Amino acid sequence: VCAALVAVSGTGFAYSLGVHRAFLDAVPPPRRGQAFSLLTTGLMTLQGLGPVGSGAVAQAAGVRWAVALSALATMACVLLVVLPRAR
């Protein structure tokens, strides 16, 4: 089960590589270094704030609520990405 979950998470990361190509095409060449730096900084910041927020919810309401709210937030993000592309 763990190996399957690791494989699925790896495919999620691989998806981001395709998104980076669209981002690269959208940014003018002179600004690409700055744009990718900003993108990376934003991703790392949000990857750090996610666990902090989940920990705060776990402290206040319990681990079950933290996991449930994290799952809901993940599904909402997936829908926000997938639905506009499906049109």
PDB file of N, CA and C in Angstrom:
ATOM      1  N   VAL A   1       0.829  -1.191   0.000  1.00  0.00           N
ATOM      2  CA  VAL A   1       0.000   0.000   0.000  1.00  0.00           C
ATOM      3  C   VAL A   1       0.873   1.254   0.000  1.00  0.00           C
ATOM      4  N   CYS A   2       1.915   1.237   0.816  1.00  0.00           N
ATOM      5  CA  CYS A   2       2.797   2.411   0.876  1.00  0.00           C
ATOM      6  C   CYS A   2       3.497   2.651  -0.457  1.00  0.00           C
ATOM      7  N   ALA A   3       3.927   1.570  -1.110  1.00  0.00           N
ATOM      8  CA  ALA A   3       4.598   1.731  -2.404  1.00  0.00           C
ATOM      9  C   ALA A   3       3.641   2.325  -3.435  1.00  0.00           C
ATOM     10  N   ALA A   4       2.385   1.901  -3.398  1.00  0.00           N
ATOM     11  CA  ALA A   4       1.395   2.457  -4.327  1.00  0.00           C
ATOM     12  C   ALA A   4       1.165   3.941  -4.046  1.00  0.00           C
ATOM     13  N   LEU A   5       1.106   4.312  -2.783  1.00  0.00           N
ATOM     14  CA  LEU A   5       0.911   5.717  -2.435  1.00  0.00           C
ATOM     15  C   LEU A   5       2.101   6.576  -2.863  1.00  0.00           C
ATOM     16  N   VAL A   6       3.301   6.038  -2.722  1.00  0.00           N
ATOM     17  CA  VAL A   6       4.492   6.770  -3.169  1.00  0.00           C
ATOM     18  C   VAL A   6       4.461   6.944  -4.684  1.00  0.00           C
ATOM     19  N   ALA A   7       4.053   5.910  -5.406  1.00  0.00           N
ATOM     20  CA  ALA A   7       3.961   6.006  -6.867  1.00  0.00           C
ATOM     21  C   ALA A   7       2.931   7.049  -7.282  1.00  0.00           C
ATOM     22  N   VAL A   8       1.798   7.076  -6.610  1.00  0.00           N
ATOM     23  CA  VAL A   8       0.760   8.059  -6.932  1.00  0.00           C
ATOM     24  C   VAL A   8       1.251   9.476  -6.635  1.00  0.00           C
ATOM     25  N   SER A   9       1.935   9.649  -5.519  1.00  0.00           N
ATOM     26  CA  SER A   9       2.444  10.990  -5.210  1.00  0.00           C
ATOM     27  C   SER A   9       3.510  11.411  -6.208  1.00  0.00           C
ATOM     28  N   GLY A  10       4.279  10.481  -6.729  1.00  0.00           N
ATOM     29  CA  GLY A  10       5.273  10.800  -7.755  1.00  0.00           C
ATOM     30  C   GLY A  10       4.632  11.248  -9.049  1.00  0.00           C
ATOM     31  N   THR A  11       3.502  10.639  -9.408  1.00  0.00           N
ATOM     32  CA  THR A  11       2.818  11.079 -10.622  1.00  0.00           C
ATOM     33  C   THR A  11       2.233  12.471 -10.424  1.00  0.00           C
ATOM     34  N   GLY A  12       1.846  12.791  -9.219  1.00  0.00           N
ATOM     35  CA  GLY A  12       1.375  14.147  -8.937  1.00  0.00           C
ATOM     36  C   GLY A  12       2.487  15.161  -9.149  1.00  0.00           C
ATOM     37  N   PHE A  13       3.689  14.818  -8.725  1.00  0.00           N
ATOM     38  CA  PHE A  13       4.828  15.709  -8.946  1.00  0.00           C
ATOM     39  C   PHE A  13       5.157  15.807 -10.431  1.00  0.00           C
ATOM     40  N   ALA A  14       5.066  14.698 -11.145  1.00  0.00           N
ATOM     41  CA  ALA A  14       5.347  14.705 -12.580  1.00  0.00           C
ATOM     42  C   ALA A  14       4.376  15.617 -13.316  1.00  0.00           C
ATOM     43  N   TYR A  15       3.145  15.714 -12.833  1.00  0.00           N
ATOM     44  CA  TYR A  15       2.166  16.612 -13.452  1.00  0.00           C
ATOM     45  C   TYR A  15       2.667  18.048 -13.404  1.00  0.00           C
ATOM     46  N   SER A  16       3.333  18.425 -12.335  1.00  0.00           N
ATOM     47  CA  SER A  16       3.810  19.803 -12.210  1.00  0.00           C
ATOM     48  C   SER A  16       4.846  20.146 -13.278  1.00  0.00           C
ATOM     49  N   LEU A  17       5.557  19.150 -13.774  1.00  0.00           N
ATOM     50  CA  LEU A  17       6.538  19.422 -14.831  1.00  0.00           C
ATOM     51  C   LEU A  17       5.854  19.917 -16.099  1.00  0.00           C
ATOM     52  N   GLY A  18       4.698  19.357 -16.435  1.00  0.00           N
ATOM     53  CA  GLY A  18       3.933  19.832 -17.582  1.00  0.00           C
ATOM     54  C   GLY A  18       3.391  21.229 -17.375  1.00  0.00           C
ATOM     55  N   VAL A  19       3.006  21.529 -16.152  1.00  0.00           N
ATOM     56  CA  VAL A  19       2.511  22.870 -15.834  1.00  0.00           C
ATOM     57  C   VAL A  19       3.640  23.882 -15.961  1.00  0.00           C
ATOM     58  N   HIS A  20       4.851  23.484 -15.577  1.00  0.00           N
ATOM     59  CA  HIS A  20       5.991  24.392 -15.700  1.00  0.00           C
ATOM     60  C   HIS A  20       6.242  24.779 -17.150  1.00  0.00           C
ATOM     61  N   ARG A  21       5.979  23.863 -18.066  1.00  0.00           N
ATOM     62  CA  ARG A  21       6.185  24.183 -19.487  1.00  0.00           C
ATOM     63  C   ARG A  21       5.212  25.267 -19.938  1.00  0.00           C
ATOM     64  N   ALA A  22       3.955  25.162 -19.526  1.00  0.00           N
ATOM     65  CA  ALA A  22       2.973  26.198 -19.868  1.00  0.00           C
ATOM     66  C   ALA A  22       3.363  27.530 -19.221  1.00  0.00           C
ATOM     67  N   PHE A  23       3.867  27.476 -18.003  1.00  0.00           N
ATOM     68  CA  PHE A  23       4.317  28.685 -17.317  1.00  0.00           C
ATOM     69  C   PHE A  23       5.493  29.295 -18.065  1.00  0.00           C
ATOM     70  N   LEU A  24       6.427  28.469 -18.490  1.00  0.00           N
ATOM     71  CA  LEU A  24       7.587  28.937 -19.248  1.00  0.00           C
ATOM     72  C   LEU A  24       7.164  29.625 -20.532  1.00  0.00           C
ATOM     73  N   ASP A  25       6.201  29.064 -21.235  1.00  0.00           N
ATOM     74  CA  ASP A  25       5.725  29.666 -22.481  1.00  0.00           C
ATOM     75  C   ASP A  25       5.006  30.990 -22.253  1.00  0.00           C
ATOM     76  N   ALA A  26       4.395  31.162 -21.090  1.00  0.00           N
ATOM     77  CA  ALA A  26       3.618  32.374 -20.812  1.00  0.00           C
ATOM     78  C   ALA A  26       4.479  33.551 -20.360  1.00  0.00           C
ATOM     79  N   VAL A  27       5.688  33.279 -19.907  1.00  0.00           N
ATOM     80  CA  VAL A  27       6.548  34.340 -19.366  1.00  0.00           C
ATOM     81  C   VAL A  27       7.548  34.777 -20.429  1.00  0.00           C
ATOM     82  N   PRO A  28       7.709  36.089 -20.619  1.00  0.00           N
ATOM     83  CA  PRO A  28       8.699  36.577 -21.586  1.00  0.00           C
ATOM     84  C   PRO A  28      10.117  36.136 -21.184  1.00  0.00           C
ATOM     85  N   PRO A  29      10.961  35.817 -22.151  1.00  0.00           N
ATOM     86  CA  PRO A  29      12.307  35.314 -21.838  1.00  0.00           C
ATOM     87  C   PRO A  29      13.125  36.170 -20.867  1.00  0.00           C
ATOM     88  N   PRO A  30      13.084  37.507 -20.951  1.00  0.00           N
ATOM     89  CA  PRO A  30      13.907  38.270 -20.003  1.00  0.00           C
ATOM     90  C   PRO A  30      13.449  38.150 -18.542  1.00  0.00           C
ATOM     91  N   ARG A  31      12.222  37.729 -18.317  1.00  0.00           N
ATOM     92  CA  ARG A  31      11.671  37.662 -16.958  1.00  0.00           C
ATOM     93  C   ARG A  31      11.583  36.243 -16.403  1.00  0.00           C
ATOM     94  N   ARG A  32      12.054  35.266 -17.139  1.00  0.00           N
ATOM     95  CA  ARG A  32      11.872  33.864 -16.728  1.00  0.00           C
ATOM     96  C   ARG A  32      12.587  33.535 -15.425  1.00  0.00           C
ATOM     97  N   GLY A  33      13.788  34.038 -15.227  1.00  0.00           N
ATOM     98  CA  GLY A  33      14.519  33.759 -13.984  1.00  0.00           C
ATOM     99  C   GLY A  33      13.768  34.270 -12.774  1.00  0.00           C
ATOM    100  N   GLN A  34      13.296  35.506 -12.853  1.00  0.00           N
ATOM    101  CA  GLN A  34      12.530  36.081 -11.754  1.00  0.00           C
ATOM    102  C   GLN A  34      11.212  35.352 -11.550  1.00  0.00           C
ATOM    103  N   ALA A  35      10.558  35.006 -12.644  1.00  0.00           N
ATOM    104  CA  ALA A  35       9.254  34.354 -12.548  1.00  0.00           C
ATOM    105  C   ALA A  35       9.377  32.978 -11.885  1.00  0.00           C
ATOM    106  N   PHE A  36      10.376  32.197 -12.276  1.00  0.00           N
ATOM    107  CA  PHE A  36      10.553  30.879 -11.662  1.00  0.00           C
ATOM    108  C   PHE A  36      11.006  30.991 -10.213  1.00  0.00           C
ATOM    109  N   SER A  37      11.786  32.016  -9.892  1.00  0.00           N
ATOM    110  CA  SER A  37      12.165  32.237  -8.493  1.00  0.00           C
ATOM    111  C   SER A  37      10.946  32.556  -7.649  1.00  0.00           C
ATOM    112  N   LEU A  38      10.083  33.405  -8.168  1.00  0.00           N
ATOM    113  CA  LEU A  38       8.857  33.745  -7.451  1.00  0.00           C
ATOM    114  C   LEU A  38       7.944  32.529  -7.314  1.00  0.00           C
ATOM    115  N   LEU A  39       7.834  31.743  -8.382  1.00  0.00           N
ATOM    116  CA  LEU A  39       7.020  30.524  -8.343  1.00  0.00           C
ATOM    117  C   LEU A  39       7.543  29.556  -7.281  1.00  0.00           C
ATOM    118  N   THR A  40       8.850  29.332  -7.271  1.00  0.00           N
ATOM    119  CA  THR A  40       9.445  28.410  -6.310  1.00  0.00           C
ATOM    120  C   THR A  40       9.295  28.914  -4.882  1.00  0.00           C
ATOM    121  N   THR A  41       9.496  30.207  -4.688  1.00  0.00           N
ATOM    122  CA  THR A  41       9.337  30.782  -3.357  1.00  0.00           C
ATOM    123  C   THR A  41       7.907  30.635  -2.865  1.00  0.00           C
ATOM    124  N   GLY A  42       6.953  30.896  -3.731  1.00  0.00           N
ATOM    125  CA  GLY A  42       5.549  30.747  -3.347  1.00  0.00           C
ATOM    126  C   GLY A  42       5.191  29.311  -3.021  1.00  0.00           C
ATOM    127  N   LEU A  43       5.674  28.370  -3.830  1.00  0.00           N
ATOM    128  CA  LEU A  43       5.391  26.957  -3.566  1.00  0.00           C
ATOM    129  C   LEU A  43       5.996  26.515  -2.240  1.00  0.00           C
ATOM    130  N   MET A  44       7.243  26.892  -1.989  1.00  0.00           N
ATOM    131  CA  MET A  44       7.891  26.484  -0.738  1.00  0.00           C
ATOM    132  C   MET A  44       7.211  27.113   0.468  1.00  0.00           C
ATOM    133  N   THR A  45       6.772  28.364   0.328  1.00  0.00           N
ATOM    134  CA  THR A  45       6.072  29.020   1.428  1.00  0.00           C
ATOM    135  C   THR A  45       4.764  28.312   1.743  1.00  0.00           C
ATOM    136  N   LEU A  46       3.991  28.002   0.710  1.00  0.00           N
ATOM    137  CA  LEU A  46       2.720  27.321   0.942  1.00  0.00           C
ATOM    138  C   LEU A  46       2.924  25.895   1.442  1.00  0.00           C
ATOM    139  N   GLN A  47       3.990  25.228   0.996  1.00  0.00           N
ATOM    140  CA  GLN A  47       4.280  23.888   1.497  1.00  0.00           C
ATOM    141  C   GLN A  47       4.670  23.915   2.970  1.00  0.00           C
ATOM    142  N   GLY A  48       5.171  25.025   3.432  1.00  0.00           N
ATOM    143  CA  GLY A  48       5.480  25.172   4.855  1.00  0.00           C
ATOM    144  C   GLY A  48       4.273  25.591   5.671  1.00  0.00           C
ATOM    145  N   LEU A  49       3.426  26.436   5.083  1.00  0.00           N
ATOM    146  CA  LEU A  49       2.255  26.911   5.822  1.00  0.00           C
ATOM    147  C   LEU A  49       1.160  25.846   5.941  1.00  0.00           C
ATOM    148  N   GLY A  50       1.097  24.927   4.993  1.00  0.00           N
ATOM    149  CA  GLY A  50       0.092  23.863   5.048  1.00  0.00           C
ATOM    150  C   GLY A  50       0.185  23.038   6.327  1.00  0.00           C
ATOM    151  N   PRO A  51       1.351  22.487   6.643  1.00  0.00           N
ATOM    152  CA  PRO A  51       1.475  21.730   7.890  1.00  0.00           C
ATOM    153  C   PRO A  51       1.259  22.578   9.148  1.00  0.00           C
ATOM    154  N   VAL A  52       1.673  23.845   9.091  1.00  0.00           N
ATOM    155  CA  VAL A  52       1.448  24.728  10.238  1.00  0.00           C
ATOM    156  C   VAL A  52      -0.050  24.900  10.477  1.00  0.00           C
ATOM    157  N   GLY A  53      -0.802  25.133   9.401  1.00  0.00           N
ATOM    158  CA  GLY A  53      -2.256  25.277   9.523  1.00  0.00           C
ATOM    159  C   GLY A  53      -2.916  23.995   9.989  1.00  0.00           C
ATOM    160  N   SER A  54      -2.477  22.865   9.444  1.00  0.00           N
ATOM    161  CA  SER A  54      -3.035  21.582   9.874  1.00  0.00           C
ATOM    162  C   SER A  54      -2.722  21.307  11.341  1.00  0.00           C
ATOM    163  N   GLY A  55      -1.516  21.645  11.756  1.00  0.00           N
ATOM    164  CA  GLY A  55      -1.152  21.472  13.168  1.00  0.00           C
ATOM    165  C   GLY A  55      -1.996  22.339  14.092  1.00  0.00           C
ATOM    166  N   ALA A  56      -2.274  23.560  13.660  1.00  0.00           N
ATOM    167  CA  ALA A  56      -3.111  24.446  14.468  1.00  0.00           C
ATOM    168  C   ALA A  56      -4.529  23.903  14.587  1.00  0.00           C
ATOM    169  N   VAL A  57      -5.068  23.396  13.480  1.00  0.00           N
ATOM    170  CA  VAL A  57      -6.405  22.797  13.522  1.00  0.00           C
ATOM    171  C   VAL A  57      -6.398  21.557  14.407  1.00  0.00           C
ATOM    172  N   ALA A  58      -5.335  20.747  14.314  1.00  0.00           N
ATOM    173  CA  ALA A  58      -5.240  19.539  15.141  1.00  0.00           C
ATOM    174  C   ALA A  58      -5.176  19.889  16.622  1.00  0.00           C
ATOM    175  N   GLN A  59      -4.472  20.953  16.949  1.00  0.00           N
ATOM    176  CA  GLN A  59      -4.393  21.374  18.348  1.00  0.00           C
ATOM    177  C   GLN A  59      -5.743  21.873  18.863  1.00  0.00           C
ATOM    178  N   ALA A  60      -6.443  22.599  18.007  1.00  0.00           N
ATOM    179  CA  ALA A  60      -7.706  23.206  18.440  1.00  0.00           C
ATOM    180  C   ALA A  60      -8.888  22.239  18.383  1.00  0.00           C
ATOM    181  N   ALA A  61      -8.972  21.443  17.324  1.00  0.00           N
ATOM    182  CA  ALA A  61     -10.179  20.638  17.123  1.00  0.00           C
ATOM    183  C   ALA A  61      -9.919  19.135  17.102  1.00  0.00           C
ATOM    184  N   GLY A  62      -8.676  18.731  17.048  1.00  0.00           N
ATOM    185  CA  GLY A  62      -8.361  17.314  17.011  1.00  0.00           C
ATOM    186  C   GLY A  62      -7.808  16.887  15.662  1.00  0.00           C
ATOM    187  N   VAL A  63      -7.114  15.764  15.696  1.00  0.00           N
ATOM    188  CA  VAL A  63      -6.447  15.269  14.498  1.00  0.00           C
ATOM    189  C   VAL A  63      -7.454  14.885  13.420  1.00  0.00           C
ATOM    190  N   ARG A  64      -8.573  14.286  13.804  1.00  0.00           N
ATOM    191  CA  ARG A  64      -9.569  13.874  12.808  1.00  0.00           C
ATOM    192  C   ARG A  64     -10.054  15.054  11.979  1.00  0.00           C
ATOM    193  N   TRP A  65     -10.305  16.177  12.639  1.00  0.00           N
ATOM    194  CA  TRP A  65     -10.771  17.370  11.915  1.00  0.00           C
ATOM    195  C   TRP A  65      -9.665  17.928  11.032  1.00  0.00           C
ATOM    196  N   ALA A  66      -8.436  17.877  11.509  1.00  0.00           N
ATOM    197  CA  ALA A  66      -7.316  18.385  10.704  1.00  0.00           C
ATOM    198  C   ALA A  66      -7.160  17.564   9.431  1.00  0.00           C
ATOM    199  N   VAL A  67      -7.249  16.242   9.548  1.00  0.00           N
ATOM    200  CA  VAL A  67      -7.116  15.385   8.370  1.00  0.00           C
ATOM    201  C   VAL A  67      -8.293  15.604   7.428  1.00  0.00           C
ATOM    202  N   ALA A  68      -9.493  15.697   7.980  1.00  0.00           N
ATOM    203  CA  ALA A  68     -10.679  15.893   7.140  1.00  0.00           C
ATOM    204  C   ALA A  68     -10.621  17.233   6.406  1.00  0.00           C
ATOM    205  N   LEU A  69     -10.236  18.290   7.103  1.00  0.00           N
ATOM    206  CA  LEU A  69     -10.153  19.604   6.452  1.00  0.00           C
ATOM    207  C   LEU A  69      -9.026  19.648   5.425  1.00  0.00           C
ATOM    208  N   SER A  70      -7.916  18.962   5.693  1.00  0.00           N
ATOM    209  CA  SER A  70      -6.831  18.892   4.707  1.00  0.00           C
ATOM    210  C   SER A  70      -7.295  18.173   3.451  1.00  0.00           C
ATOM    211  N   ALA A  71      -8.050  17.095   3.629  1.00  0.00           N
ATOM    212  CA  ALA A  71      -8.574  16.361   2.468  1.00  0.00           C
ATOM    213  C   ALA A  71      -9.545  17.223   1.673  1.00  0.00           C
ATOM    214  N   LEU A  72     -10.407  17.943   2.362  1.00  0.00           N
ATOM    215  CA  LEU A  72     -11.345  18.830   1.663  1.00  0.00           C
ATOM    216  C   LEU A  72     -10.613  19.938   0.911  1.00  0.00           C
ATOM    217  N   ALA A  73      -9.595  20.501   1.524  1.00  0.00           N
ATOM    218  CA  ALA A  73      -8.823  21.559   0.861  1.00  0.00           C
ATOM    219  C   ALA A  73      -8.105  21.011  -0.368  1.00  0.00           C
ATOM    220  N   THR A  74      -7.578  19.798  -0.259  1.00  0.00           N
ATOM    221  CA  THR A  74      -6.914  19.179  -1.401  1.00  0.00           C
ATOM    222  C   THR A  74      -7.890  18.950  -2.543  1.00  0.00           C
ATOM    223  N   MET A  75      -9.058  18.415  -2.236  1.00  0.00           N
ATOM    224  CA  MET A  75     -10.060  18.161  -3.276  1.00  0.00           C
ATOM    225  C   MET A  75     -10.539  19.468  -3.912  1.00  0.00           C
ATOM    226  N   ALA A  76     -10.681  20.525  -3.112  1.00  0.00           N
ATOM    227  CA  ALA A  76     -11.085  21.817  -3.657  1.00  0.00           C
ATOM    228  C   ALA A  76     -10.033  22.345  -4.631  1.00  0.00           C
ATOM    229  N   CYS A  77      -8.755  22.193  -4.279  1.00  0.00           N
ATOM    230  CA  CYS A  77      -7.686  22.638  -5.176  1.00  0.00           C
ATOM    231  C   CYS A  77      -7.672  21.831  -6.464  1.00  0.00           C
ATOM    232  N   VAL A  78      -7.875  20.532  -6.352  1.00  0.00           N
ATOM    233  CA  VAL A  78      -7.918  19.690  -7.549  1.00  0.00           C
ATOM    234  C   VAL A  78      -9.048  20.137  -8.455  1.00  0.00           C
ATOM    235  N   LEU A  79     -10.216  20.379  -7.886  1.00  0.00           N
ATOM    236  CA  LEU A  79     -11.358  20.819  -8.694  1.00  0.00           C
ATOM    237  C   LEU A  79     -11.105  22.180  -9.333  1.00  0.00           C
ATOM    238  N   LEU A  80     -10.463  23.069  -8.610  1.00  0.00           N
ATOM    239  CA  LEU A  80     -10.154  24.391  -9.162  1.00  0.00           C
ATOM    240  C   LEU A  80      -9.173  24.315 -10.330  1.00  0.00           C
ATOM    241  N   VAL A  81      -8.330  23.309 -10.347  1.00  0.00           N
ATOM    242  CA  VAL A  81      -7.380  23.138 -11.439  1.00  0.00           C
ATOM    243  C   VAL A  81      -8.016  22.374 -12.594  1.00  0.00           C
ATOM    244  N   VAL A  82      -8.758  21.316 -12.292  1.00  0.00           N
ATOM    245  CA  VAL A  82      -9.266  20.420 -13.326  1.00  0.00           C
ATOM    246  C   VAL A  82     -10.488  21.010 -14.048  1.00  0.00           C
ATOM    247  N   LEU A  83     -11.416  21.596 -13.334  1.00  0.00           N
ATOM    248  CA  LEU A  83     -12.658  22.069 -13.969  1.00  0.00           C
ATOM    249  C   LEU A  83     -12.429  23.127 -15.038  1.00  0.00           C
ATOM    250  N   PRO A  84     -11.614  24.155 -14.808  1.00  0.00           N
ATOM    251  CA  PRO A  84     -11.410  25.129 -15.888  1.00  0.00           C
ATOM    252  C   PRO A  84     -10.746  24.519 -17.122  1.00  0.00           C
ATOM    253  N   ARG A  85      -9.905  23.520 -16.949  1.00  0.00           N
ATOM    254  CA  ARG A  85      -9.231  22.891 -18.090  1.00  0.00           C
ATOM    255  C   ARG A  85     -10.167  21.968 -18.857  1.00  0.00           C
ATOM    256  N   ALA A  86     -11.240  21.507 -18.212  1.00  0.00           N
ATOM    257  CA  ALA A  86     -12.182  20.587 -18.864  1.00  0.00           C
ATOM    258  C   ALA A  86     -13.106  21.301 -19.834  1.00  0.00           C
ATOM    259  N   ARG A  87     -13.175  22.603 -19.760  1.00  0.00           N
ATOM    260  CA  ARG A  87     -14.084  23.355 -20.634  1.00  0.00           C
ATOM    261  C   ARG A  87     -13.549  23.542 -22.001  1.00  0.00           C
TER     262      ARG A  87
END
